[in-house]
Amino acid sequence: MVASTRRGDAPPAVAPRRGDVILRIRGLKKHFQAHGIAALGRRRPPIRAVDGVSFDIHRGENFGLVGESGSGKTTIAKLVLRLDTPTEGEIRFEDADVHALSGRALNAFRKATHVVFQDPNSSLSPRMRVRDIVGEPLAVQGVRGKALADRVAEVLSLVGLNPQAAERYPHEFSGGQRQRIAVARAIVAEPQLIVLDEPVSALDVSIRAQILNLLRDLQDRLHLTYLTIAHDLAVVYQACDRIGVMYLGRLVELAPSEELYRDPAHPYAKILLSAIPKPDPKLRHAERLPLTGEIPSPAAPPPGCRFHPRCPIAVERCSVDEPEWRELRSGHWVACHLA
């Protein structure tokens, strides 16, 4: 029997399960008030960047969120890191409400979470030496002197850089090396959860696999948990244990990466997968599914299924009824009438 829930209710089960739940998200919404005044003096409708998202991340897994620009995945990352506050819903880290933390509990959360941004050119200060960039998360905790220098040297070695690089400036390194510096900064304080916001999209194709392999190696060595944000489904398929596909502020499919790649259920996921280049010559001319039109405005999402105006198989019901979030198979969830 197929299970179903209303949006924002209990999230899908995990497959495979690697550990206890470290991050739990329930009914998460983030609405931004649009600036300006609409016609007839009425306020503009809010921008529904995230509009009812629920999922769990288990300790030791790499959970990926993928979707087009404007789907809400980066907004979720900001909410998890307390860089913004939710309109509704709850984010719990190790069973503590993230947005209710204060004092020592908040400091502990800051130490336990970190982020690697998309572009190391803009995320690393050009006026600071590598030793100060990497060591800053420890310095703010009061670590000084030899202990700080030794830890910086240790993490630089872990990410594949010579410890002597600590005396140099970011502009003296290649793009891939700068991203290794960003990763070193992220792990220096021994966090538990790292948000990877498009960690390889600004890098040359030849360097991307190196950074993804580095992140996987560090995850195993240091028992890290990742939340990976990407627009490229090929990247999250290679890196992640499970993948959540987002469209216009909502999850439309969630499954183990191998299963999603082998048997996607939602038309949007199928379209994203069809765009991945195929290395097998026999598959290079496989049919590429069309994705027509632009993503609608999150201030005025379509009724029914939000994807129906662009969906190649939509029927009349799709424009009227919102699809339920239902479990097709164990750990494989989808919001589609036709799945």
C-alpha atoms as a PDB file:
ATOM      1  CA  MET A   1       0.000   0.000   0.000  1.00  0.00           C
ATOM      2  CA  VAL A   2       1.343   3.442  -0.921  1.00  0.00           C
ATOM      3  CA  ALA A   3       1.751   5.858   1.962  1.00  0.00           C
ATOM      4  CA  SER A   4       0.946   9.535   1.579  1.00  0.00           C
ATOM      5  CA  THR A   5       1.132  12.654   3.735  1.00  0.00           C
ATOM      6  CA  ARG A   6       0.191  16.302   3.581  1.00  0.00           C
ATOM      7  CA  ARG A   7       3.042  18.675   2.830  1.00  0.00           C
ATOM      8  CA  GLY A   8       5.097  19.510   5.902  1.00  0.00           C
ATOM      9  CA  ASP A   9       4.168  16.280   7.702  1.00  0.00           C
ATOM     10  CA  ALA A  10       6.566  13.447   8.529  1.00  0.00           C
ATOM     11  CA  PRO A  11       9.412  13.250   5.994  1.00  0.00           C
ATOM     12  CA  PRO A  12      10.457  10.186   4.043  1.00  0.00           C
ATOM     13  CA  ALA A  13      12.328   7.325   5.633  1.00  0.00           C
ATOM     14  CA  VAL A  14      16.046   7.094   5.046  1.00  0.00           C
ATOM     15  CA  ALA A  15      17.636   4.522   2.806  1.00  0.00           C
ATOM     16  CA  PRO A  16      20.347   3.678   3.481  1.00  0.00           C
ATOM     17  CA  ARG A  17      20.416   4.673   7.143  1.00  0.00           C
ATOM     18  CA  ARG A  18      23.945   5.522   8.269  1.00  0.00           C
ATOM     19  CA  GLY A  19      23.313   6.865  11.767  1.00  0.00           C
ATOM     20  CA  ASP A  20      20.918   8.699  14.031  1.00  0.00           C
ATOM     21  CA  VAL A  21      19.178  11.857  12.830  1.00  0.00           C
ATOM     22  CA  ILE A  22      21.491  14.851  13.127  1.00  0.00           C
ATOM     23  CA  LEU A  23      19.304  17.400  11.290  1.00  0.00           C
ATOM     24  CA  ARG A  24      15.513  17.353  11.182  1.00  0.00           C
ATOM     25  CA  ILE A  25      13.477  19.785   9.108  1.00  0.00           C
ATOM     26  CA  ARG A  26       9.700  19.994   9.454  1.00  0.00           C
ATOM     27  CA  GLY A  27       7.234  22.127   7.466  1.00  0.00           C
ATOM     28  CA  LEU A  28       9.907  24.695   6.628  1.00  0.00           C
ATOM     29  CA  LYS A  29       8.748  27.901   4.962  1.00  0.00           C
ATOM     30  CA  LYS A  30      10.517  31.116   4.081  1.00  0.00           C
ATOM     31  CA  HIS A  31       8.450  33.893   2.513  1.00  0.00           C
ATOM     32  CA  PHE A  32      10.004  37.228   1.585  1.00  0.00           C
ATOM     33  CA  GLN A  33       7.894  40.343   1.322  1.00  0.00           C
ATOM     34  CA  ALA A  34       8.317  41.839  -2.125  1.00  0.00           C
ATOM     35  CA  HIS A  35       9.223  45.523  -2.280  1.00  0.00           C
ATOM     36  CA  GLY A  36       6.978  48.070  -3.928  1.00  0.00           C
ATOM     37  CA  ILE A  37       3.234  48.481  -4.226  1.00  0.00           C
ATOM     38  CA  ALA A  38       1.058  46.545  -6.657  1.00  0.00           C
ATOM     39  CA  ALA A  39      -1.805  47.968  -8.661  1.00  0.00           C
ATOM     40  CA  LEU A  40      -4.714  49.598  -6.797  1.00  0.00           C
ATOM     41  CA  GLY A  41      -2.511  50.185  -3.783  1.00  0.00           C
ATOM     42  CA  ARG A  42      -2.362  46.548  -2.692  1.00  0.00           C
ATOM     43  CA  ARG A  43       0.837  45.032  -1.307  1.00  0.00           C
ATOM     44  CA  ARG A  44       2.653  42.622  -3.557  1.00  0.00           C
ATOM     45  CA  PRO A  45       2.247  38.930  -2.671  1.00  0.00           C
ATOM     46  CA  PRO A  46       5.141  37.403  -0.735  1.00  0.00           C
ATOM     47  CA  ILE A  47       7.878  35.491  -2.525  1.00  0.00           C
ATOM     48  CA  ARG A  48       7.530  31.857  -1.411  1.00  0.00           C
ATOM     49  CA  ALA A  49      11.183  30.869  -1.610  1.00  0.00           C
ATOM     50  CA  VAL A  50      10.643  27.757   0.527  1.00  0.00           C
ATOM     51  CA  ASP A  51       7.074  26.615   0.933  1.00  0.00           C
ATOM     52  CA  GLY A  52       6.654  23.543   3.121  1.00  0.00           C
ATOM     53  CA  VAL A  53       9.718  21.293   3.087  1.00  0.00           C
ATOM     54  CA  SER A  54      10.426  18.356   5.421  1.00  0.00           C
ATOM     55  CA  PHE A  55      13.314  15.914   5.487  1.00  0.00           C
ATOM     56  CA  ASP A  56      15.866  14.296   7.809  1.00  0.00           C
ATOM     57  CA  ILE A  57      19.633  14.028   7.458  1.00  0.00           C
ATOM     58  CA  HIS A  58      21.313  11.163   9.281  1.00  0.00           C
ATOM     59  CA  ARG A  59      24.752  11.330  10.820  1.00  0.00           C
ATOM     60  CA  GLY A  60      27.445  10.352   8.340  1.00  0.00           C
ATOM     61  CA  GLU A  61      25.421  10.741   5.152  1.00  0.00           C
ATOM     62  CA  ASN A  62      25.721  13.178   2.288  1.00  0.00           C
ATOM     63  CA  PHE A  63      22.259  14.543   1.516  1.00  0.00           C
ATOM     64  CA  GLY A  64      21.877  16.448  -1.741  1.00  0.00           C
ATOM     65  CA  LEU A  65      19.378  19.132  -2.743  1.00  0.00           C
ATOM     66  CA  VAL A  66      19.191  19.773  -6.472  1.00  0.00           C
ATOM     67  CA  GLY A  67      17.100  22.059  -8.656  1.00  0.00           C
ATOM     68  CA  GLU A  68      17.160  25.076 -10.933  1.00  0.00           C
ATOM     69  CA  SER A  69      18.080  28.537  -9.706  1.00  0.00           C
ATOM     70  CA  GLY A  70      15.090  29.844  -7.771  1.00  0.00           C
ATOM     71  CA  SER A  71      14.014  26.447  -6.459  1.00  0.00           C
ATOM     72  CA  GLY A  72      14.775  27.372  -2.822  1.00  0.00           C
ATOM     73  CA  LYS A  73      17.704  25.074  -2.080  1.00  0.00           C
ATOM     74  CA  THR A  74      20.178  27.826  -1.117  1.00  0.00           C
ATOM     75  CA  THR A  75      17.522  29.481   1.065  1.00  0.00           C
ATOM     76  CA  ILE A  76      17.227  26.192   2.977  1.00  0.00           C
ATOM     77  CA  ALA A  77      21.004  26.192   3.483  1.00  0.00           C
ATOM     78  CA  LYS A  78      20.873  29.738   4.904  1.00  0.00           C
ATOM     79  CA  LEU A  79      18.045  28.763   7.256  1.00  0.00           C
ATOM     80  CA  VAL A  80      19.963  25.711   8.488  1.00  0.00           C
ATOM     81  CA  LEU A  81      23.009  27.874   9.235  1.00  0.00           C
ATOM     82  CA  ARG A  82      20.935  30.594  10.967  1.00  0.00           C
ATOM     83  CA  LEU A  83      21.869  33.120   8.307  1.00  0.00           C
ATOM     84  CA  ASP A  84      18.138  33.810   7.977  1.00  0.00           C
ATOM     85  CA  THR A  85      15.015  33.053  10.013  1.00  0.00           C
ATOM     86  CA  PRO A  86      12.134  30.847   8.828  1.00  0.00           C
ATOM     87  CA  THR A  87       8.606  32.132   8.336  1.00  0.00           C
ATOM     88  CA  GLU A  88       7.225  28.824   9.607  1.00  0.00           C
ATOM     89  CA  GLY A  89       8.488  25.388  10.468  1.00  0.00           C
ATOM     90  CA  GLU A  90      11.267  23.945  12.527  1.00  0.00           C
ATOM     91  CA  ILE A  91      14.934  23.036  12.108  1.00  0.00           C
ATOM     92  CA  ARG A  92      16.377  20.782  14.798  1.00  0.00           C
ATOM     93  CA  PHE A  93      20.082  20.007  15.069  1.00  0.00           C
ATOM     94  CA  GLU A  94      20.740  17.081  17.408  1.00  0.00           C
ATOM     95  CA  ASP A  95      17.167  17.579  18.651  1.00  0.00           C
ATOM     96  CA  ALA A  96      17.699  21.239  19.591  1.00  0.00           C
ATOM     97  CA  ASP A  97      15.652  23.958  17.882  1.00  0.00           C
ATOM     98  CA  VAL A  98      18.310  25.820  15.877  1.00  0.00           C
ATOM     99  CA  HIS A  99      16.455  29.145  15.862  1.00  0.00           C
ATOM    100  CA  ALA A 100      15.803  29.061  19.601  1.00  0.00           C
ATOM    101  CA  LEU A 101      19.479  28.655  20.580  1.00  0.00           C
ATOM    102  CA  SER A 102      21.330  31.341  22.511  1.00  0.00           C
ATOM    103  CA  GLY A 103      24.441  31.782  24.641  1.00  0.00           C
ATOM    104  CA  ARG A 104      26.669  28.733  24.990  1.00  0.00           C
ATOM    105  CA  ALA A 105      24.263  26.505  23.085  1.00  0.00           C
ATOM    106  CA  LEU A 106      24.424  28.857  20.097  1.00  0.00           C
ATOM    107  CA  ASN A 107      28.230  28.967  20.285  1.00  0.00           C
ATOM    108  CA  ALA A 108      28.304  25.168  20.319  1.00  0.00           C
ATOM    109  CA  PHE A 109      26.057  25.091  17.247  1.00  0.00           C
ATOM    110  CA  ARG A 110      28.337  27.549  15.438  1.00  0.00           C
ATOM    111  CA  LYS A 111      31.300  25.282  16.162  1.00  0.00           C
ATOM    112  CA  ALA A 112      29.434  22.148  15.052  1.00  0.00           C
ATOM    113  CA  THR A 113      28.358  23.543  11.653  1.00  0.00           C
ATOM    114  CA  HIS A 114      30.249  25.163   8.818  1.00  0.00           C
ATOM    115  CA  VAL A 115      29.872  26.000   5.133  1.00  0.00           C
ATOM    116  CA  VAL A 116      31.908  25.797   1.938  1.00  0.00           C
ATOM    117  CA  PHE A 117      30.737  28.410  -0.549  1.00  0.00           C
ATOM    118  CA  GLN A 118      30.535  28.206  -4.319  1.00  0.00           C
ATOM    119  CA  ASP A 119      33.271  30.641  -5.298  1.00  0.00           C
ATOM    120  CA  PRO A 120      36.554  30.567  -3.342  1.00  0.00           C
ATOM    121  CA  ASN A 121      37.618  33.803  -5.062  1.00  0.00           C
ATOM    122  CA  SER A 122      34.949  35.745  -3.188  1.00  0.00           C
ATOM    123  CA  SER A 123      34.743  33.663   0.017  1.00  0.00           C
ATOM    124  CA  LEU A 124      38.445  34.033   0.950  1.00  0.00           C
ATOM    125  CA  SER A 125      39.712  37.451   2.031  1.00  0.00           C
ATOM    126  CA  PRO A 126      42.541  38.595  -0.295  1.00  0.00           C
ATOM    127  CA  ARG A 127      44.072  40.598   2.580  1.00  0.00           C
ATOM    128  CA  MET A 128      44.539  37.637   4.926  1.00  0.00           C
ATOM    129  CA  ARG A 129      47.229  34.972   4.839  1.00  0.00           C
ATOM    130  CA  VAL A 130      46.069  31.375   4.547  1.00  0.00           C
ATOM    131  CA  ARG A 131      47.054  30.721   8.178  1.00  0.00           C
ATOM    132  CA  ASP A 132      44.636  33.436   9.339  1.00  0.00           C
ATOM    133  CA  ILE A 133      41.847  32.387   6.965  1.00  0.00           C
ATOM    134  CA  VAL A 134      41.997  28.732   7.990  1.00  0.00           C
ATOM    135  CA  GLY A 135      42.643  29.406  11.664  1.00  0.00           C
ATOM    136  CA  GLU A 136      39.985  32.078  12.180  1.00  0.00           C
ATOM    137  CA  PRO A 137      37.220  29.669  13.393  1.00  0.00           C
ATOM    138  CA  LEU A 138      39.604  28.487  16.134  1.00  0.00           C
ATOM    139  CA  ALA A 139      40.972  31.939  16.907  1.00  0.00           C
ATOM    140  CA  VAL A 140      37.488  33.227  17.759  1.00  0.00           C
ATOM    141  CA  GLN A 141      37.266  30.369  20.274  1.00  0.00           C
ATOM    142  CA  GLY A 142      40.455  31.539  21.972  1.00  0.00           C
ATOM    143  CA  VAL A 143      42.977  29.130  20.433  1.00  0.00           C
ATOM    144  CA  ARG A 144      46.338  30.843  20.030  1.00  0.00           C
ATOM    145  CA  GLY A 145      50.033  30.323  19.394  1.00  0.00           C
ATOM    146  CA  LYS A 146      51.551  26.934  18.666  1.00  0.00           C
ATOM    147  CA  ALA A 147      48.288  25.049  19.125  1.00  0.00           C
ATOM    148  CA  LEU A 148      46.640  27.144  16.413  1.00  0.00           C
ATOM    149  CA  ALA A 149      49.624  26.933  14.055  1.00  0.00           C
ATOM    150  CA  ASP A 150      49.867  23.165  14.473  1.00  0.00           C
ATOM    151  CA  ARG A 151      46.165  22.666  13.767  1.00  0.00           C
ATOM    152  CA  VAL A 152      46.320  24.861  10.646  1.00  0.00           C
ATOM    153  CA  ALA A 153      49.297  22.852   9.368  1.00  0.00           C
ATOM    154  CA  GLU A 154      47.431  19.615  10.089  1.00  0.00           C
ATOM    155  CA  VAL A 155      44.288  20.520   8.153  1.00  0.00           C
ATOM    156  CA  LEU A 156      46.264  21.936   5.227  1.00  0.00           C
ATOM    157  CA  SER A 157      47.933  18.538   4.925  1.00  0.00           C
ATOM    158  CA  LEU A 158      44.541  16.834   5.173  1.00  0.00           C
ATOM    159  CA  VAL A 159      43.240  18.765   2.167  1.00  0.00           C
ATOM    160  CA  GLY A 160      46.360  18.069   0.100  1.00  0.00           C
ATOM    161  CA  LEU A 161      48.267  21.342   0.530  1.00  0.00           C
ATOM    162  CA  ASN A 162      51.791  21.918   1.795  1.00  0.00           C
ATOM    163  CA  PRO A 163      51.677  23.349   5.346  1.00  0.00           C
ATOM    164  CA  GLN A 164      54.063  26.073   4.128  1.00  0.00           C
ATOM    165  CA  ALA A 165      51.126  27.436   2.135  1.00  0.00           C
ATOM    166  CA  ALA A 166      49.967  28.994   5.416  1.00  0.00           C
ATOM    167  CA  GLU A 167      52.249  31.986   4.794  1.00  0.00           C
ATOM    168  CA  ARG A 168      50.855  32.807   1.369  1.00  0.00           C
ATOM    169  CA  TYR A 169      47.801  34.759   0.156  1.00  0.00           C
ATOM    170  CA  PRO A 170      44.783  33.349  -1.739  1.00  0.00           C
ATOM    171  CA  HIS A 171      45.688  35.012  -5.055  1.00  0.00           C
ATOM    172  CA  GLU A 172      48.855  32.905  -5.186  1.00  0.00           C
ATOM    173  CA  PHE A 173      46.822  29.709  -5.652  1.00  0.00           C
ATOM    174  CA  SER A 174      44.767  28.159  -8.433  1.00  0.00           C
ATOM    175  CA  GLY A 175      40.977  27.901  -8.180  1.00  0.00           C
ATOM    176  CA  GLY A 176      41.111  24.276  -7.060  1.00  0.00           C
ATOM    177  CA  GLN A 177      43.734  25.061  -4.418  1.00  0.00           C
ATOM    178  CA  ARG A 178      41.659  27.972  -3.126  1.00  0.00           C
ATOM    179  CA  GLN A 179      38.694  25.641  -2.726  1.00  0.00           C
ATOM    180  CA  ARG A 180      40.952  23.279  -0.753  1.00  0.00           C
ATOM    181  CA  ILE A 181      41.764  26.231   1.515  1.00  0.00           C
ATOM    182  CA  ALA A 182      38.026  26.851   1.961  1.00  0.00           C
ATOM    183  CA  VAL A 183      37.549  23.187   2.862  1.00  0.00           C
ATOM    184  CA  ALA A 184      40.434  23.391   5.358  1.00  0.00           C
ATOM    185  CA  ARG A 185      38.757  26.363   7.028  1.00  0.00           C
ATOM    186  CA  ALA A 186      35.489  24.418   7.186  1.00  0.00           C
ATOM    187  CA  ILE A 187      37.008  21.407   8.980  1.00  0.00           C
ATOM    188  CA  VAL A 188      39.527  23.150  11.259  1.00  0.00           C
ATOM    189  CA  ALA A 189      37.135  23.395  14.241  1.00  0.00           C
ATOM    190  CA  GLU A 190      36.048  19.743  13.879  1.00  0.00           C
ATOM    191  CA  PRO A 191      32.418  20.363  12.881  1.00  0.00           C
ATOM    192  CA  GLN A 192      29.766  17.694  12.598  1.00  0.00           C
ATOM    193  CA  LEU A 193      27.703  19.140   9.732  1.00  0.00           C
ATOM    194  CA  ILE A 194      29.079  20.971   6.692  1.00  0.00           C
ATOM    195  CA  VAL A 195      26.862  22.697   4.142  1.00  0.00           C
ATOM    196  CA  LEU A 196      28.401  22.500   0.667  1.00  0.00           C
ATOM    197  CA  ASP A 197      26.837  25.262  -1.419  1.00  0.00           C
ATOM    198  CA  GLU A 198      27.656  24.462  -5.069  1.00  0.00           C
ATOM    199  CA  PRO A 199      31.180  23.399  -3.974  1.00  0.00           C
ATOM    200  CA  VAL A 200      32.539  22.638  -7.468  1.00  0.00           C
ATOM    201  CA  SER A 201      30.425  24.697  -9.876  1.00  0.00           C
ATOM    202  CA  ALA A 202      33.042  27.484 -10.108  1.00  0.00           C
ATOM    203  CA  LEU A 203      35.880  25.048 -10.885  1.00  0.00           C
ATOM    204  CA  ASP A 204      37.221  23.636 -14.116  1.00  0.00           C
ATOM    205  CA  VAL A 205      35.768  20.269 -15.059  1.00  0.00           C
ATOM    206  CA  SER A 206      39.171  18.614 -14.620  1.00  0.00           C
ATOM    207  CA  ILE A 207      39.352  19.817 -11.000  1.00  0.00           C
ATOM    208  CA  ARG A 208      35.796  18.980  -9.927  1.00  0.00           C
ATOM    209  CA  ALA A 209      36.378  15.250  -9.477  1.00  0.00           C
ATOM    210  CA  GLN A 210      39.457  15.960  -7.337  1.00  0.00           C
ATOM    211  CA  ILE A 211      37.491  18.159  -4.944  1.00  0.00           C
ATOM    212  CA  LEU A 212      34.566  15.719  -4.786  1.00  0.00           C
ATOM    213  CA  ASN A 213      36.974  12.874  -4.019  1.00  0.00           C
ATOM    214  CA  LEU A 214      38.635  15.011  -1.334  1.00  0.00           C
ATOM    215  CA  LEU A 215      35.275  15.747   0.291  1.00  0.00           C
ATOM    216  CA  ARG A 216      34.354  12.061   0.249  1.00  0.00           C
ATOM    217  CA  ASP A 217      37.705  11.106   1.805  1.00  0.00           C
ATOM    218  CA  LEU A 218      37.350  13.735   4.539  1.00  0.00           C
ATOM    219  CA  GLN A 219      33.813  12.574   5.262  1.00  0.00           C
ATOM    220  CA  ASP A 220      35.051   9.040   5.907  1.00  0.00           C
ATOM    221  CA  ARG A 221      38.123  10.120   7.888  1.00  0.00           C
ATOM    222  CA  LEU A 222      36.452  12.731  10.068  1.00  0.00           C
ATOM    223  CA  HIS A 223      32.928  11.223  10.285  1.00  0.00           C
ATOM    224  CA  LEU A 224      31.353  14.296   8.724  1.00  0.00           C
ATOM    225  CA  THR A 225      27.774  14.863   7.594  1.00  0.00           C
ATOM    226  CA  TYR A 226      27.130  16.924   4.456  1.00  0.00           C
ATOM    227  CA  LEU A 227      24.210  18.881   3.077  1.00  0.00           C
ATOM    228  CA  THR A 228      25.160  19.407  -0.574  1.00  0.00           C
ATOM    229  CA  ILE A 229      23.422  22.116  -2.615  1.00  0.00           C
ATOM    230  CA  ALA A 230      23.762  21.891  -6.406  1.00  0.00           C
ATOM    231  CA  HIS A 231      21.957  22.620  -9.651  1.00  0.00           C
ATOM    232  CA  ASP A 232      23.814  19.826 -11.449  1.00  0.00           C
ATOM    233  CA  LEU A 233      22.228  16.431 -10.834  1.00  0.00           C
ATOM    234  CA  ALA A 234      25.385  14.707 -12.106  1.00  0.00           C
ATOM    235  CA  VAL A 235      27.368  16.239  -9.215  1.00  0.00           C
ATOM    236  CA  VAL A 236      24.960  15.184  -6.477  1.00  0.00           C
ATOM    237  CA  TYR A 237      24.559  11.731  -7.999  1.00  0.00           C
ATOM    238  CA  GLN A 238      28.321  11.238  -7.811  1.00  0.00           C
ATOM    239  CA  ALA A 239      28.657  12.635  -4.297  1.00  0.00           C
ATOM    240  CA  CYS A 240      25.450  12.003  -2.339  1.00  0.00           C
ATOM    241  CA  ASP A 241      23.753   9.067  -0.620  1.00  0.00           C
ATOM    242  CA  ARG A 242      20.263  10.521  -1.102  1.00  0.00           C
ATOM    243  CA  ILE A 243      18.939  13.267  -3.325  1.00  0.00           C
ATOM    244  CA  GLY A 244      16.010  15.625  -2.841  1.00  0.00           C
ATOM    245  CA  VAL A 245      14.795  17.273  -6.061  1.00  0.00           C
ATOM    246  CA  MET A 246      13.350  20.747  -5.492  1.00  0.00           C
ATOM    247  CA  TYR A 247      11.088  22.798  -7.714  1.00  0.00           C
ATOM    248  CA  LEU A 248       9.674  26.227  -6.904  1.00  0.00           C
ATOM    249  CA  GLY A 249      10.122  25.973  -3.135  1.00  0.00           C
ATOM    250  CA  ARG A 250       9.049  22.356  -2.660  1.00  0.00           C
ATOM    251  CA  LEU A 251      10.457  18.876  -2.792  1.00  0.00           C
ATOM    252  CA  VAL A 252       9.031  16.928  -5.729  1.00  0.00           C
ATOM    253  CA  GLU A 253      11.059  13.736  -5.292  1.00  0.00           C
ATOM    254  CA  LEU A 254      13.406  12.199  -2.725  1.00  0.00           C
ATOM    255  CA  ALA A 255      15.221   8.884  -3.075  1.00  0.00           C
ATOM    256  CA  PRO A 256      18.560   7.116  -2.665  1.00  0.00           C
ATOM    257  CA  SER A 257      20.832   8.445  -5.400  1.00  0.00           C
ATOM    258  CA  GLU A 258      21.246   5.111  -7.199  1.00  0.00           C
ATOM    259  CA  GLU A 259      17.494   4.555  -7.289  1.00  0.00           C
ATOM    260  CA  LEU A 260      16.749   8.087  -8.442  1.00  0.00           C
ATOM    261  CA  TYR A 261      19.311   7.745 -11.219  1.00  0.00           C
ATOM    262  CA  ARG A 262      17.994   4.323 -12.260  1.00  0.00           C
ATOM    263  CA  ASP A 263      14.254   4.921 -11.929  1.00  0.00           C
ATOM    264  CA  PRO A 264      13.160   8.557 -11.452  1.00  0.00           C
ATOM    265  CA  ALA A 265       9.435   8.985 -10.851  1.00  0.00           C
ATOM    266  CA  HIS A 266       8.782  12.716 -11.259  1.00  0.00           C
ATOM    267  CA  PRO A 267       8.867  14.241 -14.778  1.00  0.00           C
ATOM    268  CA  TYR A 268      11.111  17.071 -13.558  1.00  0.00           C
ATOM    269  CA  ALA A 269      13.674  14.606 -12.183  1.00  0.00           C
ATOM    270  CA  LYS A 270      13.522  12.657 -15.454  1.00  0.00           C
ATOM    271  CA  ILE A 271      14.227  15.840 -17.418  1.00  0.00           C
ATOM    272  CA  LEU A 272      17.198  16.760 -15.215  1.00  0.00           C
ATOM    273  CA  LEU A 273      18.608  13.250 -15.568  1.00  0.00           C
ATOM    274  CA  SER A 274      18.173  13.245 -19.343  1.00  0.00           C
ATOM    275  CA  ALA A 275      20.443  16.315 -19.536  1.00  0.00           C
ATOM    276  CA  ILE A 276      23.417  14.494 -17.952  1.00  0.00           C
ATOM    277  CA  PRO A 277      26.062  13.696 -20.604  1.00  0.00           C
ATOM    278  CA  LYS A 278      26.353   9.945 -21.207  1.00  0.00           C
ATOM    279  CA  PRO A 279      29.911   8.542 -21.430  1.00  0.00           C
ATOM    280  CA  ASP A 280      28.690   5.336 -23.107  1.00  0.00           C
ATOM    281  CA  PRO A 281      28.676   5.868 -26.912  1.00  0.00           C
ATOM    282  CA  LYS A 282      25.598   3.678 -27.168  1.00  0.00           C
ATOM    283  CA  LEU A 283      23.712   6.078 -24.901  1.00  0.00           C
ATOM    284  CA  ARG A 284      24.959   9.398 -26.248  1.00  0.00           C
ATOM    285  CA  HIS A 285      22.007   9.779 -28.569  1.00  0.00           C
ATOM    286  CA  ALA A 286      19.436   8.760 -25.961  1.00  0.00           C
ATOM    287  CA  GLU A 287      16.367  10.965 -26.001  1.00  0.00           C
ATOM    288  CA  ARG A 288      16.753  14.235 -24.129  1.00  0.00           C
ATOM    289  CA  LEU A 289      13.459  15.289 -22.593  1.00  0.00           C
ATOM    290  CA  PRO A 290      12.422  18.894 -23.214  1.00  0.00           C
ATOM    291  CA  LEU A 291      12.129  21.514 -20.490  1.00  0.00           C
ATOM    292  CA  THR A 292      10.261  24.426 -22.000  1.00  0.00           C
ATOM    293  CA  GLY A 293       9.520  27.838 -20.550  1.00  0.00           C
ATOM    294  CA  GLU A 294      10.916  29.596 -17.509  1.00  0.00           C
ATOM    295  CA  ILE A 295      10.438  28.685 -13.867  1.00  0.00           C
ATOM    296  CA  PRO A 296       7.320  30.574 -12.637  1.00  0.00           C
ATOM    297  CA  SER A 297       7.546  33.371 -10.107  1.00  0.00           C
ATOM    298  CA  PRO A 298       7.646  32.126  -6.494  1.00  0.00           C
ATOM    299  CA  ALA A 299       5.387  35.072  -5.690  1.00  0.00           C
ATOM    300  CA  ALA A 300       2.610  33.554  -7.820  1.00  0.00           C
ATOM    301  CA  PRO A 301       3.118  29.785  -8.035  1.00  0.00           C
ATOM    302  CA  PRO A 302       0.750  27.910 -10.362  1.00  0.00           C
ATOM    303  CA  PRO A 303      -2.258  26.138  -8.819  1.00  0.00           C
ATOM    304  CA  GLY A 304      -2.263  22.369  -8.550  1.00  0.00           C
ATOM    305  CA  CYS A 305       1.119  20.867  -9.340  1.00  0.00           C
ATOM    306  CA  ARG A 306       3.616  23.703  -9.566  1.00  0.00           C
ATOM    307  CA  PHE A 307       5.447  21.986 -12.397  1.00  0.00           C
ATOM    308  CA  HIS A 308       2.412  21.420 -14.617  1.00  0.00           C
ATOM    309  CA  PRO A 309       2.897  24.486 -16.927  1.00  0.00           C
ATOM    310  CA  ARG A 310       6.254  23.015 -18.047  1.00  0.00           C
ATOM    311  CA  CYS A 311       5.462  19.317 -17.717  1.00  0.00           C
ATOM    312  CA  PRO A 312       5.394  17.349 -21.006  1.00  0.00           C
ATOM    313  CA  ILE A 313       2.891  14.783 -19.646  1.00  0.00           C
ATOM    314  CA  ALA A 314       0.576  16.993 -17.570  1.00  0.00           C
ATOM    315  CA  VAL A 315      -3.156  16.264 -17.589  1.00  0.00           C
ATOM    316  CA  GLU A 316      -6.088  18.452 -16.536  1.00  0.00           C
ATOM    317  CA  ARG A 317      -5.969  17.227 -12.933  1.00  0.00           C
ATOM    318  CA  CYS A 318      -2.397  18.507 -12.604  1.00  0.00           C
ATOM    319  CA  SER A 319      -3.567  22.116 -13.024  1.00  0.00           C
ATOM    320  CA  VAL A 320      -6.225  21.767 -10.324  1.00  0.00           C
ATOM    321  CA  ASP A 321      -5.183  19.351  -7.571  1.00  0.00           C
ATOM    322  CA  GLU A 322      -1.970  19.595  -5.604  1.00  0.00           C
ATOM    323  CA  PRO A 323      -0.264  16.178  -5.645  1.00  0.00           C
ATOM    324  CA  GLU A 324       0.234  14.360  -2.357  1.00  0.00           C
ATOM    325  CA  TRP A 325       3.705  13.600  -1.022  1.00  0.00           C
ATOM    326  CA  ARG A 326       3.609   9.805  -1.138  1.00  0.00           C
ATOM    327  CA  GLU A 327       5.981   6.893  -0.757  1.00  0.00           C
ATOM    328  CA  LEU A 328       6.291   4.759  -3.895  1.00  0.00           C
ATOM    329  CA  ARG A 329       8.787   2.362  -2.384  1.00  0.00           C
ATOM    330  CA  SER A 330      10.715   2.263   0.852  1.00  0.00           C
ATOM    331  CA  GLY A 331      12.639   5.531   1.037  1.00  0.00           C
ATOM    332  CA  HIS A 332      11.486   6.752  -2.391  1.00  0.00           C
ATOM    333  CA  TRP A 333       8.985   9.625  -2.160  1.00  0.00           C
ATOM    334  CA  VAL A 334       7.374  11.719  -4.864  1.00  0.00           C
ATOM    335  CA  ALA A 335       4.744  14.430  -5.374  1.00  0.00           C
ATOM    336  CA  CYS A 336       3.166  13.614  -8.740  1.00  0.00           C
ATOM    337  CA  HIS A 337      -0.289  12.408  -9.791  1.00  0.00           C
ATOM    338  CA  LEU A 338       1.171  10.368 -12.645  1.00  0.00           C
ATOM    339  CA  ALA A 339       4.160   8.730 -10.944  1.00  0.00           C
END
